[in-house]
Amino acid sequence: MKNNTIKETPFVPTTITVIIQPEEETIIVPRAKAKNVARLIEYLGLRPYTALVARNGIPLTPDIPLYPEQTIIVRKVMSAG
């Protein structure tokens, strides 16, 4: 008799690579926590509009969705004035 068992593959959550500037710190963020730019900013503990977010050199607005395996740059921009 043939054994028809299905080999289970462990679940691997999808992630986004985030480079935080000016510190040049790289972190891995679960995509479930950062499905769009606004949620990423919240996850990082930043206030809205205190950081510029870019993908491939293109600035992103808070409503733009983020996808697994992307590299995102978050540049903190605070007014000193």
PDB file of N, CA and C in Angstrom:
ATOM      1  N   MET A   1       0.831  -1.168   0.000  1.00  0.00           N
ATOM      2  CA  MET A   1       0.000   0.000   0.000  1.00  0.00           C
ATOM      3  C   MET A   1       0.884   1.243   0.000  1.00  0.00           C
ATOM      4  N   LYS A   2       0.532   2.173  -0.859  1.00  0.00           N
ATOM      5  CA  LYS A   2       1.316   3.391  -1.011  1.00  0.00           C
ATOM      6  C   LYS A   2       0.919   4.414   0.055  1.00  0.00           C
ATOM      7  N   ASN A   3       1.912   5.030   0.657  1.00  0.00           N
ATOM      8  CA  ASN A   3       1.669   6.048   1.683  1.00  0.00           C
ATOM      9  C   ASN A   3       1.531   7.406   1.008  1.00  0.00           C
ATOM     10  N   ASN A   4       0.347   7.999   1.038  1.00  0.00           N
ATOM     11  CA  ASN A   4       0.075   9.283   0.390  1.00  0.00           C
ATOM     12  C   ASN A   4       0.082  10.434   1.388  1.00  0.00           C
ATOM     13  N   THR A   5       1.116  10.553   2.137  1.00  0.00           N
ATOM     14  CA  THR A   5       1.188  11.657   3.100  1.00  0.00           C
ATOM     15  C   THR A   5       1.691  12.913   2.407  1.00  0.00           C
ATOM     16  N   ILE A   6       1.193  14.011   2.855  1.00  0.00           N
ATOM     17  CA  ILE A   6       1.607  15.304   2.311  1.00  0.00           C
ATOM     18  C   ILE A   6       2.696  15.869   3.206  1.00  0.00           C
ATOM     19  N   LYS A   7       3.778  16.226   2.601  1.00  0.00           N
ATOM     20  CA  LYS A   7       4.877  16.817   3.359  1.00  0.00           C
ATOM     21  C   LYS A   7       4.529  18.273   3.654  1.00  0.00           C
ATOM     22  N   GLU A   8       4.485  18.603   4.932  1.00  0.00           N
ATOM     23  CA  GLU A   8       4.142  19.964   5.323  1.00  0.00           C
ATOM     24  C   GLU A   8       5.374  20.852   5.281  1.00  0.00           C
ATOM     25  N   THR A   9       5.177  22.022   4.709  1.00  0.00           N
ATOM     26  CA  THR A   9       6.242  23.016   4.649  1.00  0.00           C
ATOM     27  C   THR A   9       5.991  24.025   5.760  1.00  0.00           C
ATOM     28  N   PRO A  10       7.004  24.337   6.555  1.00  0.00           N
ATOM     29  CA  PRO A  10       6.779  25.312   7.626  1.00  0.00           C
ATOM     30  C   PRO A  10       6.445  26.685   7.056  1.00  0.00           C
ATOM     31  N   PHE A  11       5.551  27.397   7.745  1.00  0.00           N
ATOM     32  CA  PHE A  11       5.157  28.737   7.321  1.00  0.00           C
ATOM     33  C   PHE A  11       6.311  29.702   7.563  1.00  0.00           C
ATOM     34  N   VAL A  12       6.668  30.444   6.537  1.00  0.00           N
ATOM     35  CA  VAL A  12       7.708  31.454   6.648  1.00  0.00           C
ATOM     36  C   VAL A  12       7.061  32.805   6.364  1.00  0.00           C
ATOM     37  N   PRO A  13       6.977  33.677   7.375  1.00  0.00           N
ATOM     38  CA  PRO A  13       6.324  34.961   7.143  1.00  0.00           C
ATOM     39  C   PRO A  13       7.115  35.814   6.157  1.00  0.00           C
ATOM     40  N   THR A  14       6.385  36.569   5.343  1.00  0.00           N
ATOM     41  CA  THR A  14       7.044  37.452   4.389  1.00  0.00           C
ATOM     42  C   THR A  14       7.542  38.691   5.123  1.00  0.00           C
ATOM     43  N   THR A  15       8.619  39.253   4.602  1.00  0.00           N
ATOM     44  CA  THR A  15       9.249  40.387   5.270  1.00  0.00           C
ATOM     45  C   THR A  15       9.591  41.497   4.286  1.00  0.00           C
ATOM     46  N   ILE A  16       9.873  42.652   4.859  1.00  0.00           N
ATOM     47  CA  ILE A  16      10.340  43.822   4.108  1.00  0.00           C
ATOM     48  C   ILE A  16      11.634  44.275   4.775  1.00  0.00           C
ATOM     49  N   THR A  17      12.639  44.592   3.970  1.00  0.00           N
ATOM     50  CA  THR A  17      13.890  45.122   4.495  1.00  0.00           C
ATOM     51  C   THR A  17      13.774  46.639   4.553  1.00  0.00           C
ATOM     52  N   VAL A  18      14.075  47.204   5.711  1.00  0.00           N
ATOM     53  CA  VAL A  18      13.961  48.652   5.902  1.00  0.00           C
ATOM     54  C   VAL A  18      15.328  49.205   6.307  1.00  0.00           C
ATOM     55  N   ILE A  19      15.777  50.203   5.574  1.00  0.00           N
ATOM     56  CA  ILE A  19      17.020  50.905   5.901  1.00  0.00           C
ATOM     57  C   ILE A  19      16.624  52.247   6.506  1.00  0.00           C
ATOM     58  N   ILE A  20      16.982  52.449   7.760  1.00  0.00           N
ATOM     59  CA  ILE A  20      16.643  53.690   8.452  1.00  0.00           C
ATOM     60  C   ILE A  20      17.844  54.627   8.368  1.00  0.00           C
ATOM     61  N   GLN A  21      17.602  55.809   7.834  1.00  0.00           N
ATOM     62  CA  GLN A  21      18.658  56.814   7.703  1.00  0.00           C
ATOM     63  C   GLN A  21      18.355  57.980   8.626  1.00  0.00           C
ATOM     64  N   PRO A  22      19.285  58.715   9.137  1.00  0.00           N
ATOM     65  CA  PRO A  22      20.695  58.733   8.767  1.00  0.00           C
ATOM     66  C   PRO A  22      21.557  57.695   9.474  1.00  0.00           C
ATOM     67  N   GLU A  23      20.970  56.876  10.368  1.00  0.00           N
ATOM     68  CA  GLU A  23      21.762  55.904  11.124  1.00  0.00           C
ATOM     69  C   GLU A  23      22.302  54.758  10.273  1.00  0.00           C
ATOM     70  N   GLU A  24      21.718  54.541   9.091  1.00  0.00           N
ATOM     71  CA  GLU A  24      22.072  53.414   8.209  1.00  0.00           C
ATOM     72  C   GLU A  24      21.843  52.076   8.918  1.00  0.00           C
ATOM     73  N   GLU A  25      20.792  52.010   9.711  1.00  0.00           N
ATOM     74  CA  GLU A  25      20.409  50.788  10.407  1.00  0.00           C
ATOM     75  C   GLU A  25      19.472  49.990   9.501  1.00  0.00           C
ATOM     76  N   THR A  26      19.739  48.709   9.356  1.00  0.00           N
ATOM     77  CA  THR A  26      18.897  47.841   8.542  1.00  0.00           C
ATOM     78  C   THR A  26      18.121  46.915   9.463  1.00  0.00           C
ATOM     79  N   ILE A  27      16.795  46.894   9.263  1.00  0.00           N
ATOM     80  CA  ILE A  27      15.958  45.993  10.050  1.00  0.00           C
ATOM     81  C   ILE A  27      15.044  45.214   9.106  1.00  0.00           C
ATOM     82  N   ILE A  28      14.601  44.074   9.572  1.00  0.00           N
ATOM     83  CA  ILE A  28      13.663  43.239   8.832  1.00  0.00           C
ATOM     84  C   ILE A  28      12.314  43.373   9.523  1.00  0.00           C
ATOM     85  N   VAL A  29      11.293  43.758   8.758  1.00  0.00           N
ATOM     86  CA  VAL A  29       9.963  44.002   9.305  1.00  0.00           C
ATOM     87  C   VAL A  29       8.998  42.971   8.710  1.00  0.00           C
ATOM     88  N   PRO A  30       8.196  42.318   9.550  1.00  0.00           N
ATOM     89  CA  PRO A  30       7.183  41.412   9.000  1.00  0.00           C
ATOM     90  C   PRO A  30       6.177  42.205   8.166  1.00  0.00           C
ATOM     91  N   ARG A  31       5.861  41.723   6.992  1.00  0.00           N
ATOM     92  CA  ARG A  31       4.935  42.463   6.130  1.00  0.00           C
ATOM     93  C   ARG A  31       3.567  42.620   6.782  1.00  0.00           C
ATOM     94  N   ALA A  32       3.174  41.695   7.617  1.00  0.00           N
ATOM     95  CA  ALA A  32       1.881  41.806   8.294  1.00  0.00           C
ATOM     96  C   ALA A  32       1.801  43.067   9.147  1.00  0.00           C
ATOM     97  N   LYS A  33       2.945  43.583   9.579  1.00  0.00           N
ATOM     98  CA  LYS A  33       2.990  44.800  10.389  1.00  0.00           C
ATOM     99  C   LYS A  33       3.167  46.054   9.549  1.00  0.00           C
ATOM    100  N   ALA A  34       3.456  45.897   8.260  1.00  0.00           N
ATOM    101  CA  ALA A  34       3.742  47.056   7.408  1.00  0.00           C
ATOM    102  C   ALA A  34       3.172  46.831   6.011  1.00  0.00           C
ATOM    103  N   LYS A  35       1.859  46.771   5.910  1.00  0.00           N
ATOM    104  CA  LYS A  35       1.240  46.535   4.605  1.00  0.00           C
ATOM    105  C   LYS A  35       1.207  47.779   3.731  1.00  0.00           C
ATOM    106  N   ASN A  36       1.384  48.952   4.365  1.00  0.00           N
ATOM    107  CA  ASN A  36       1.505  50.186   3.588  1.00  0.00           C
ATOM    108  C   ASN A  36       2.448  51.131   4.330  1.00  0.00           C
ATOM    109  N   VAL A  37       2.739  52.263   3.716  1.00  0.00           N
ATOM    110  CA  VAL A  37       3.725  53.188   4.266  1.00  0.00           C
ATOM    111  C   VAL A  37       3.277  53.715   5.635  1.00  0.00           C
ATOM    112  N   ALA A  38       2.010  54.054   5.783  1.00  0.00           N
ATOM    113  CA  ALA A  38       1.522  54.582   7.061  1.00  0.00           C
ATOM    114  C   ALA A  38       1.707  53.570   8.188  1.00  0.00           C
ATOM    115  N   ARG A  39       1.418  52.301   7.921  1.00  0.00           N
ATOM    116  CA  ARG A  39       1.588  51.262   8.949  1.00  0.00           C
ATOM    117  C   ARG A  39       3.058  51.019   9.259  1.00  0.00           C
ATOM    118  N   LEU A  40       3.931  51.162   8.264  1.00  0.00           N
ATOM    119  CA  LEU A  40       5.369  51.025   8.512  1.00  0.00           C
ATOM    120  C   LEU A  40       5.853  52.127   9.448  1.00  0.00           C
ATOM    121  N   ILE A  41       5.450  53.360   9.181  1.00  0.00           N
ATOM    122  CA  ILE A  41       5.846  54.487  10.032  1.00  0.00           C
ATOM    123  C   ILE A  41       5.364  54.258  11.470  1.00  0.00           C
ATOM    124  N   GLU A  42       4.130  53.793  11.603  1.00  0.00           N
ATOM    125  CA  GLU A  42       3.579  53.497  12.934  1.00  0.00           C
ATOM    126  C   GLU A  42       4.367  52.380  13.612  1.00  0.00           C
ATOM    127  N   TYR A  43       4.677  51.316  12.869  1.00  0.00           N
ATOM    128  CA  TYR A  43       5.431  50.187  13.413  1.00  0.00           C
ATOM    129  C   TYR A  43       6.803  50.639  13.913  1.00  0.00           C
ATOM    130  N   LEU A  44       7.427  51.569  13.203  1.00  0.00           N
ATOM    131  CA  LEU A  44       8.753  52.061  13.579  1.00  0.00           C
ATOM    132  C   LEU A  44       8.698  53.041  14.754  1.00  0.00           C
ATOM    133  N   GLY A  45       7.492  53.419  15.175  1.00  0.00           N
ATOM    134  CA  GLY A  45       7.349  54.329  16.305  1.00  0.00           C
ATOM    135  C   GLY A  45       7.591  55.781  15.948  1.00  0.00           C
ATOM    136  N   LEU A  46       7.454  56.101  14.668  1.00  0.00           N
ATOM    137  CA  LEU A  46       7.656  57.481  14.219  1.00  0.00           C
ATOM    138  C   LEU A  46       6.305  58.172  14.092  1.00  0.00           C
ATOM    139  N   ARG A  47       6.306  59.474  14.229  1.00  0.00           N
ATOM    140  CA  ARG A  47       5.082  60.245  14.013  1.00  0.00           C
ATOM    141  C   ARG A  47       4.892  60.448  12.513  1.00  0.00           C
ATOM    142  N   PRO A  48       3.638  60.537  12.085  1.00  0.00           N
ATOM    143  CA  PRO A  48       3.382  60.795  10.655  1.00  0.00           C
ATOM    144  C   PRO A  48       4.076  62.078  10.204  1.00  0.00           C
ATOM    145  N   TYR A  49       4.578  62.049   9.013  1.00  0.00           N
ATOM    146  CA  TYR A  49       5.232  63.192   8.361  1.00  0.00           C
ATOM    147  C   TYR A  49       6.552  63.597   9.011  1.00  0.00           C
ATOM    148  N   THR A  50       7.167  62.694   9.778  1.00  0.00           N
ATOM    149  CA  THR A  50       8.495  62.970  10.325  1.00  0.00           C
ATOM    150  C   THR A  50       9.563  62.158   9.607  1.00  0.00           C
ATOM    151  N   ALA A  51       9.157  61.465   8.535  1.00  0.00           N
ATOM    152  CA  ALA A  51      10.112  60.664   7.772  1.00  0.00           C
ATOM    153  C   ALA A  51       9.691  60.628   6.309  1.00  0.00           C
ATOM    154  N   LEU A  52      10.682  60.586   5.435  1.00  0.00           N
ATOM    155  CA  LEU A  52      10.436  60.367   4.013  1.00  0.00           C
ATOM    156  C   LEU A  52      10.660  58.885   3.748  1.00  0.00           C
ATOM    157  N   VAL A  53       9.763  58.289   2.999  1.00  0.00           N
ATOM    158  CA  VAL A  53       9.854  56.865   2.696  1.00  0.00           C
ATOM    159  C   VAL A  53      10.007  56.723   1.182  1.00  0.00           C
ATOM    160  N   ALA A  54      10.982  55.915   0.754  1.00  0.00           N
ATOM    161  CA  ALA A  54      11.243  55.759  -0.672  1.00  0.00           C
ATOM    162  C   ALA A  54      11.497  54.298  -1.014  1.00  0.00           C
ATOM    163  N   ARG A  55      11.155  53.950  -2.254  1.00  0.00           N
ATOM    164  CA  ARG A  55      11.417  52.620  -2.802  1.00  0.00           C
ATOM    165  C   ARG A  55      12.032  52.850  -4.173  1.00  0.00           C
ATOM    166  N   ASN A  56      13.206  52.303  -4.413  1.00  0.00           N
ATOM    167  CA  ASN A  56      13.910  52.477  -5.693  1.00  0.00           C
ATOM    168  C   ASN A  56      14.085  53.949  -6.055  1.00  0.00           C
ATOM    169  N   GLY A  57      14.329  54.794  -5.051  1.00  0.00           N
ATOM    170  CA  GLY A  57      14.560  56.211  -5.291  1.00  0.00           C
ATOM    171  C   GLY A  57      13.300  57.029  -5.520  1.00  0.00           C
ATOM    172  N   ILE A  58      12.133  56.426  -5.391  1.00  0.00           N
ATOM    173  CA  ILE A  58      10.864  57.121  -5.618  1.00  0.00           C
ATOM    174  C   ILE A  58      10.175  57.338  -4.277  1.00  0.00           C
ATOM    175  N   PRO A  59       9.872  58.600  -3.918  1.00  0.00           N
ATOM    176  CA  PRO A  59       9.161  58.867  -2.658  1.00  0.00           C
ATOM    177  C   PRO A  59       7.768  58.224  -2.662  1.00  0.00           C
ATOM    178  N   LEU A  60       7.358  57.749  -1.487  1.00  0.00           N
ATOM    179  CA  LEU A  60       6.075  57.077  -1.356  1.00  0.00           C
ATOM    180  C   LEU A  60       5.162  57.844  -0.403  1.00  0.00           C
ATOM    181  N   THR A  61       3.881  57.902  -0.725  1.00  0.00           N
ATOM    182  CA  THR A  61       2.894  58.527   0.144  1.00  0.00           C
ATOM    183  C   THR A  61       2.371  57.481   1.135  1.00  0.00           C
ATOM    184  N   PRO A  62       1.722  57.919   2.229  1.00  0.00           N
ATOM    185  CA  PRO A  62       1.287  56.974   3.269  1.00  0.00           C
ATOM    186  C   PRO A  62       0.355  55.865   2.791  1.00  0.00           C
ATOM    187  N   ASP A  63      -0.389  56.072   1.731  1.00  0.00           N
ATOM    188  CA  ASP A  63      -1.351  55.060   1.279  1.00  0.00           C
ATOM    189  C   ASP A  63      -0.764  54.004   0.346  1.00  0.00           C
ATOM    190  N   ILE A  64       0.474  54.131  -0.033  1.00  0.00           N
ATOM    191  CA  ILE A  64       1.098  53.193  -0.982  1.00  0.00           C
ATOM    192  C   ILE A  64       1.327  51.836  -0.305  1.00  0.00           C
ATOM    193  N   PRO A  65       0.876  50.735  -0.937  1.00  0.00           N
ATOM    194  CA  PRO A  65       1.108  49.409  -0.363  1.00  0.00           C
ATOM    195  C   PRO A  65       2.577  48.985  -0.489  1.00  0.00           C
ATOM    196  N   LEU A  66       3.007  48.199   0.471  1.00  0.00           N
ATOM    197  CA  LEU A  66       4.360  47.627   0.450  1.00  0.00           C
ATOM    198  C   LEU A  66       4.221  46.127   0.222  1.00  0.00           C
ATOM    199  N   TYR A  67       5.189  45.548  -0.483  1.00  0.00           N
ATOM    200  CA  TYR A  67       5.110  44.148  -0.863  1.00  0.00           C
ATOM    201  C   TYR A  67       6.298  43.377  -0.314  1.00  0.00           C
ATOM    202  N   PRO A  68       6.144  42.068  -0.138  1.00  0.00           N
ATOM    203  CA  PRO A  68       7.230  41.251   0.413  1.00  0.00           C
ATOM    204  C   PRO A  68       8.504  41.355  -0.417  1.00  0.00           C
ATOM    205  N   GLU A  69       9.597  41.203   0.290  1.00  0.00           N
ATOM    206  CA  GLU A  69      10.937  41.158  -0.298  1.00  0.00           C
ATOM    207  C   GLU A  69      11.411  42.489  -0.888  1.00  0.00           C
ATOM    208  N   GLN A  70      10.739  43.573  -0.584  1.00  0.00           N
ATOM    209  CA  GLN A  70      11.188  44.889  -1.045  1.00  0.00           C
ATOM    210  C   GLN A  70      12.177  45.477  -0.051  1.00  0.00           C
ATOM    211  N   THR A  71      12.981  46.417  -0.537  1.00  0.00           N
ATOM    212  CA  THR A  71      13.850  47.201   0.328  1.00  0.00           C
ATOM    213  C   THR A  71      13.328  48.626   0.319  1.00  0.00           C
ATOM    214  N   ILE A  72      13.051  49.143   1.501  1.00  0.00           N
ATOM    215  CA  ILE A  72      12.465  50.460   1.675  1.00  0.00           C
ATOM    216  C   ILE A  72      13.443  51.325   2.469  1.00  0.00           C
ATOM    217  N   ILE A  73      13.588  52.571   2.069  1.00  0.00           N
ATOM    218  CA  ILE A  73      14.419  53.519   2.815  1.00  0.00           C
ATOM    219  C   ILE A  73      13.502  54.462   3.579  1.00  0.00           C
ATOM    220  N   VAL A  74      13.772  54.606   4.871  1.00  0.00           N
ATOM    221  CA  VAL A  74      13.044  55.542   5.716  1.00  0.00           C
ATOM    222  C   VAL A  74      14.055  56.576   6.193  1.00  0.00           C
ATOM    223  N   ARG A  75      13.890  57.789   5.741  1.00  0.00           N
ATOM    224  CA  ARG A  75      14.809  58.889   6.087  1.00  0.00           C
ATOM    225  C   ARG A  75      14.111  59.809   7.075  1.00  0.00           C
ATOM    226  N   LYS A  76      14.619  59.843   8.319  1.00  0.00           N
ATOM    227  CA  LYS A  76      14.034  60.707   9.328  1.00  0.00           C
ATOM    228  C   LYS A  76      14.305  62.160   8.978  1.00  0.00           C
ATOM    229  N   VAL A  77      13.279  62.981   9.020  1.00  0.00           N
ATOM    230  CA  VAL A  77      13.415  64.405   8.731  1.00  0.00           C
ATOM    231  C   VAL A  77      12.664  65.192   9.802  1.00  0.00           C
ATOM    232  N   MET A  78      13.404  65.748  10.709  1.00  0.00           N
ATOM    233  CA  MET A  78      12.807  66.530  11.787  1.00  0.00           C
ATOM    234  C   MET A  78      13.251  67.969  11.657  1.00  0.00           C
ATOM    235  N   SER A  79      12.340  68.870  11.915  1.00  0.00           N
ATOM    236  CA  SER A  79      12.659  70.284  11.894  1.00  0.00           C
ATOM    237  C   SER A  79      13.388  70.653  13.177  1.00  0.00           C
ATOM    238  N   ALA A  80      14.456  71.380  13.056  1.00  0.00           N
ATOM    239  CA  ALA A  80      15.198  71.830  14.219  1.00  0.00           C
ATOM    240  C   ALA A  80      14.801  73.256  14.605  1.00  0.00           C
ATOM    241  N   GLY A  81      13.859  73.807  13.856  1.00  0.00           N
ATOM    242  CA  GLY A  81      13.595  75.212  13.994  1.00  0.00           C
ATOM    243  C   GLY A  81      12.476  75.601  14.828  1.00  0.00           C
TER     244      GLY A  81
END
